[in-house]
Amino acid sequence: MIQLFHVYKSFDANVALKDVNLKVREGEFVFVTGPSGAGKTTLLRLIFGAEKPTSGYILISGINLNRIRRLQLDLLRRKVGFVFQDFKLLPSKTVFENVALALEVSGHKPSFVRKKTRQALKAVGLAGKEEVYPLQLSGGEQQRVAIARAVVKDPILLLADEPTGNLDPELTQEIMVLFRSIHLSGTTVVVATHARELLEDTAQRTIFLEKGQVVGEK
């Protein structure tokens, strides 16, 4: 599913990732952890194709992201969901509109968009909130909208960058239950987090980053 070969990423004089070699198999649930500045966000952005490596290369489902054309990259990214720590919801659009937009930009028929959007919102426990605006929701509810938006496309891969960073412990556990449910449906899931409480009792594979390097895993 995901393969990184000797990947380096620099931003001017700052080296964000150093010689990262990594493989994530199809259907895995993987945590990526490390302190702030370890390179977790950069790693996810590279996998998503939002950044290009300074050197090395990345394969997603056998496709080399270094050699892919823009149109092909856009098509590939339609199969990848991304959940952000700060939600990135459009405040002027309703919950329904925020989620539906992910399908509308792909040119799906309105009837299909309505059906899939309602299904996604029901799956994250937000049925009945379709016409509410993001700023009328709690932080946990906003994150659920962000997850619905990411999974409404039936992605083969779900990336989540510190998805519980702004949530209290109870809401954190609720969000993780959602991710595990998504994983059980067959989606490959990669979650970047520095929250130790998520990692203490998990059986999921965990990759440790420090100063841009993979320093271990369990």
Protein backbone atom coordinates (compact mmCIF):
# COMPACT_ATOMS: atom_id res chain seq x y z
CA MET A 1 0.00 0.00 0.00
CA ILE A 2 2.57 2.60 1.18
CA GLN A 3 6.33 2.35 0.65
CA LEU A 4 8.96 5.00 1.36
CA PHE A 5 12.52 4.53 0.15
CA HIS A 6 15.34 6.69 1.58
CA VAL A 7 13.03 9.70 1.82
CA TYR A 8 14.46 13.07 2.82
CA LYS A 9 12.45 16.27 3.10
CA SER A 10 13.97 19.70 3.69
CA PHE A 11 12.39 23.13 4.02
CA ASP A 12 15.24 25.53 3.29
CA ALA A 13 17.83 24.77 6.00
CA ASN A 14 15.43 22.70 8.10
CA VAL A 15 15.58 18.94 7.51
CA ALA A 16 12.14 17.57 8.40
CA LEU A 17 12.72 13.92 7.44
CA LYS A 18 15.98 12.01 7.15
CA ASP A 19 16.41 8.73 5.26
CA VAL A 20 12.97 7.36 6.08
CA ASN A 21 12.31 3.81 4.91
CA LEU A 22 8.83 2.55 5.68
CA LYS A 23 6.24 0.06 4.50
CA VAL A 24 2.56 -0.03 5.44
CA ARG A 25 0.62 -3.03 4.18
CA GLU A 26 -2.88 -2.86 2.77
CA GLY A 27 -5.45 -3.13 5.56
CA GLU A 28 -3.07 -2.16 8.38
CA PHE A 29 -3.84 0.27 11.20
CA VAL A 30 -0.65 2.14 12.07
CA PHE A 31 0.17 4.84 14.60
CA VAL A 32 3.02 7.28 13.92
CA THR A 33 4.21 8.97 17.09
CA GLY A 34 6.92 11.28 18.33
CA PRO A 35 7.35 14.70 19.93
CA SER A 36 6.29 17.95 18.26
CA GLY A 37 8.61 18.66 15.34
CA ALA A 38 9.50 14.99 14.84
CA GLY A 39 8.19 15.03 11.26
CA LYS A 40 4.79 13.37 11.66
CA THR A 41 2.80 15.96 9.72
CA THR A 42 5.43 16.14 6.99
CA LEU A 43 5.32 12.36 6.62
CA LEU A 44 1.54 12.35 6.16
CA ARG A 45 1.66 15.25 3.71
CA LEU A 46 4.24 13.38 1.63
CA ILE A 47 2.08 10.24 1.60
CA PHE A 48 -0.92 12.36 0.58
CA GLY A 49 1.07 13.96 -2.23
CA ALA A 50 0.74 17.48 -0.80
CA GLU A 51 4.55 17.70 -0.63
CA LYS A 52 7.29 16.10 -2.70
CA PRO A 53 10.38 14.53 -1.15
CA THR A 54 13.67 16.36 -1.52
CA SER A 55 15.16 12.97 -2.36
CA GLY A 56 14.05 9.36 -2.26
CA TYR A 57 10.66 8.21 -3.51
CA ILE A 58 7.24 7.07 -2.35
CA LEU A 59 4.96 4.39 -3.77
CA ILE A 60 1.21 4.35 -3.10
CA SER A 61 -0.45 1.19 -4.40
CA GLY A 62 2.58 0.76 -6.66
CA ILE A 63 2.40 4.30 -8.08
CA ASN A 64 5.55 6.42 -7.79
CA LEU A 65 4.43 9.84 -6.54
CA ASN A 66 7.61 11.44 -7.92
CA ARG A 67 6.66 10.50 -11.48
CA ILE A 68 2.91 10.95 -11.40
CA ARG A 69 1.24 13.71 -13.41
CA ARG A 70 -1.01 16.27 -11.73
CA LEU A 71 -4.23 14.78 -13.08
CA GLN A 72 -3.19 11.29 -11.97
CA LEU A 73 -2.30 12.64 -8.52
CA ASP A 74 -5.71 14.28 -8.21
CA LEU A 75 -7.39 11.00 -9.13
CA LEU A 76 -5.28 9.09 -6.61
CA ARG A 77 -6.03 11.58 -3.84
CA ARG A 78 -9.75 11.01 -4.36
CA LYS A 79 -9.09 7.54 -2.94
CA VAL A 80 -7.34 8.95 0.14
CA GLY A 81 -9.09 10.58 3.09
CA PHE A 82 -7.28 13.12 5.29
CA VAL A 83 -8.42 14.19 8.77
CA PHE A 84 -6.82 17.34 10.17
CA GLN A 85 -6.34 18.37 13.80
CA ASP A 86 -8.00 21.74 13.19
CA PHE A 87 -10.88 20.18 11.21
CA LYS A 88 -10.61 22.58 8.20
CA LEU A 89 -14.39 22.83 7.85
CA LEU A 90 -15.98 25.63 5.83
CA PRO A 91 -17.85 27.78 8.40
CA SER A 92 -20.27 29.24 5.84
CA LYS A 93 -21.50 25.79 4.78
CA THR A 94 -23.69 23.38 6.71
CA VAL A 95 -22.53 20.02 8.02
CA PHE A 96 -24.20 18.33 5.05
CA GLU A 97 -22.58 20.72 2.56
CA ASN A 98 -19.11 20.26 4.07
CA VAL A 99 -19.30 16.50 3.69
CA ALA A 100 -21.05 16.53 0.32
CA LEU A 101 -18.40 18.80 -1.19
CA ALA A 102 -15.89 15.93 -1.19
CA LEU A 103 -18.15 14.07 -3.64
CA GLU A 104 -19.40 17.06 -5.62
CA VAL A 105 -15.90 18.03 -6.75
CA SER A 106 -15.56 14.53 -8.22
CA GLY A 107 -18.63 15.08 -10.40
CA HIS A 108 -21.02 12.58 -8.81
CA LYS A 109 -24.76 12.81 -9.41
CA PRO A 110 -26.75 14.77 -6.78
CA SER A 111 -28.79 11.70 -5.79
CA PHE A 112 -25.59 9.72 -5.12
CA VAL A 113 -24.09 12.63 -3.18
CA ARG A 114 -27.16 12.92 -0.96
CA LYS A 115 -27.26 9.19 -0.24
CA LYS A 116 -23.54 8.83 0.55
CA THR A 117 -23.44 12.01 2.64
CA ARG A 118 -26.35 10.88 4.81
CA GLN A 119 -24.73 7.46 5.24
CA ALA A 120 -21.41 9.02 6.29
CA LEU A 121 -23.05 11.36 8.81
CA LYS A 122 -25.08 8.50 10.27
CA ALA A 123 -21.92 6.40 10.59
CA VAL A 124 -20.24 9.07 12.73
CA GLY A 125 -23.32 9.69 14.86
CA LEU A 126 -24.39 13.00 13.33
CA ALA A 127 -27.72 12.08 11.75
CA GLY A 128 -30.04 15.02 12.39
CA LYS A 129 -27.22 17.58 12.33
CA GLU A 130 -27.19 18.02 8.55
CA GLU A 131 -28.36 21.64 8.51
CA VAL A 132 -26.25 22.82 11.45
CA TYR A 133 -23.18 25.01 10.82
CA PRO A 134 -19.72 23.95 12.09
CA LEU A 135 -19.38 26.77 14.64
CA GLN A 136 -22.61 25.59 16.28
CA LEU A 137 -20.99 22.23 17.06
CA SER A 138 -18.68 21.08 19.82
CA GLY A 139 -15.05 20.23 19.03
CA GLY A 140 -15.83 16.53 19.09
CA GLU A 141 -18.75 16.98 16.71
CA GLN A 142 -16.63 19.07 14.34
CA GLN A 143 -14.04 16.30 14.26
CA ARG A 144 -16.80 13.81 13.44
CA VAL A 145 -17.81 15.99 10.49
CA ALA A 146 -14.18 16.02 9.34
CA ILE A 147 -14.07 12.22 9.58
CA ALA A 148 -17.34 11.89 7.65
CA ARG A 149 -15.92 14.15 4.94
CA ALA A 150 -12.80 11.98 4.74
CA VAL A 151 -14.63 8.64 4.53
CA VAL A 152 -17.60 9.63 2.35
CA LYS A 153 -15.41 8.85 -0.68
CA ASP A 154 -14.90 5.24 0.51
CA PRO A 155 -11.12 5.77 0.60
CA ILE A 156 -8.64 2.94 0.36
CA LEU A 157 -6.39 4.91 2.73
CA LEU A 158 -7.25 7.21 5.64
CA LEU A 159 -4.61 9.58 7.05
CA ALA A 160 -5.23 11.43 10.31
CA ASP A 161 -2.93 14.14 11.67
CA GLU A 162 -3.31 14.57 15.46
CA PRO A 163 -7.07 13.97 15.14
CA THR A 164 -7.64 14.05 18.92
CA GLY A 165 -5.21 16.84 19.77
CA ASN A 166 -7.96 19.31 20.70
CA LEU A 167 -10.31 16.84 22.41
CA ASP A 168 -10.80 15.70 25.99
CA PRO A 169 -10.07 12.04 26.95
CA GLU A 170 -13.68 10.87 26.60
CA LEU A 171 -14.10 12.38 23.14
CA THR A 172 -10.68 11.05 22.18
CA GLN A 173 -11.83 7.50 22.88
CA GLU A 174 -15.02 8.05 20.89
CA ILE A 175 -13.04 9.25 17.88
CA MET A 176 -10.68 6.28 18.10
CA VAL A 177 -13.67 3.91 18.13
CA LEU A 178 -14.71 5.52 14.83
CA PHE A 179 -11.25 5.00 13.33
CA ARG A 180 -11.22 1.35 14.37
CA SER A 181 -14.66 0.87 12.82
CA ILE A 182 -13.41 2.42 9.58
CA HIS A 183 -10.39 0.13 9.69
CA LEU A 184 -12.59 -2.94 10.16
CA SER A 185 -14.41 -2.01 6.95
CA GLY A 186 -11.14 -2.65 5.08
CA THR A 187 -9.57 0.82 4.94
CA THR A 188 -5.85 1.23 5.63
CA VAL A 189 -5.50 3.75 8.48
CA VAL A 190 -2.44 5.81 9.49
CA VAL A 191 -2.82 8.05 12.56
CA ALA A 192 -0.14 10.54 13.62
CA THR A 193 -0.31 11.39 17.31
CA HIS A 194 1.78 12.40 20.31
CA ALA A 195 -0.97 11.31 22.74
CA ARG A 196 0.60 8.61 24.90
CA GLU A 197 -2.76 7.46 26.26
CA LEU A 198 -3.72 6.26 22.77
CA LEU A 199 -0.62 4.12 22.53
CA GLU A 200 -0.31 2.56 25.98
CA ASP A 201 -2.77 -0.30 25.52
CA THR A 202 -2.93 -0.57 21.75
CA ALA A 203 -2.09 -3.70 19.82
CA GLN A 204 -1.70 -1.65 16.64
CA ARG A 205 1.68 -1.24 15.04
CA THR A 206 3.38 1.95 16.24
CA ILE A 207 6.21 3.76 14.43
CA PHE A 208 8.39 6.15 16.43
CA LEU A 209 9.78 9.31 14.84
CA GLU A 210 12.38 11.59 16.38
CA LYS A 211 14.10 14.54 14.71
CA GLY A 212 12.87 13.36 11.32
CA GLN A 213 14.09 9.79 11.62
CA VAL A 214 12.38 6.47 12.31
CA VAL A 215 13.96 5.40 15.59
CA GLY A 216 11.93 2.26 16.25
CA GLU A 217 8.57 0.53 16.14
CA LYS A 218 6.48 -1.99 18.03
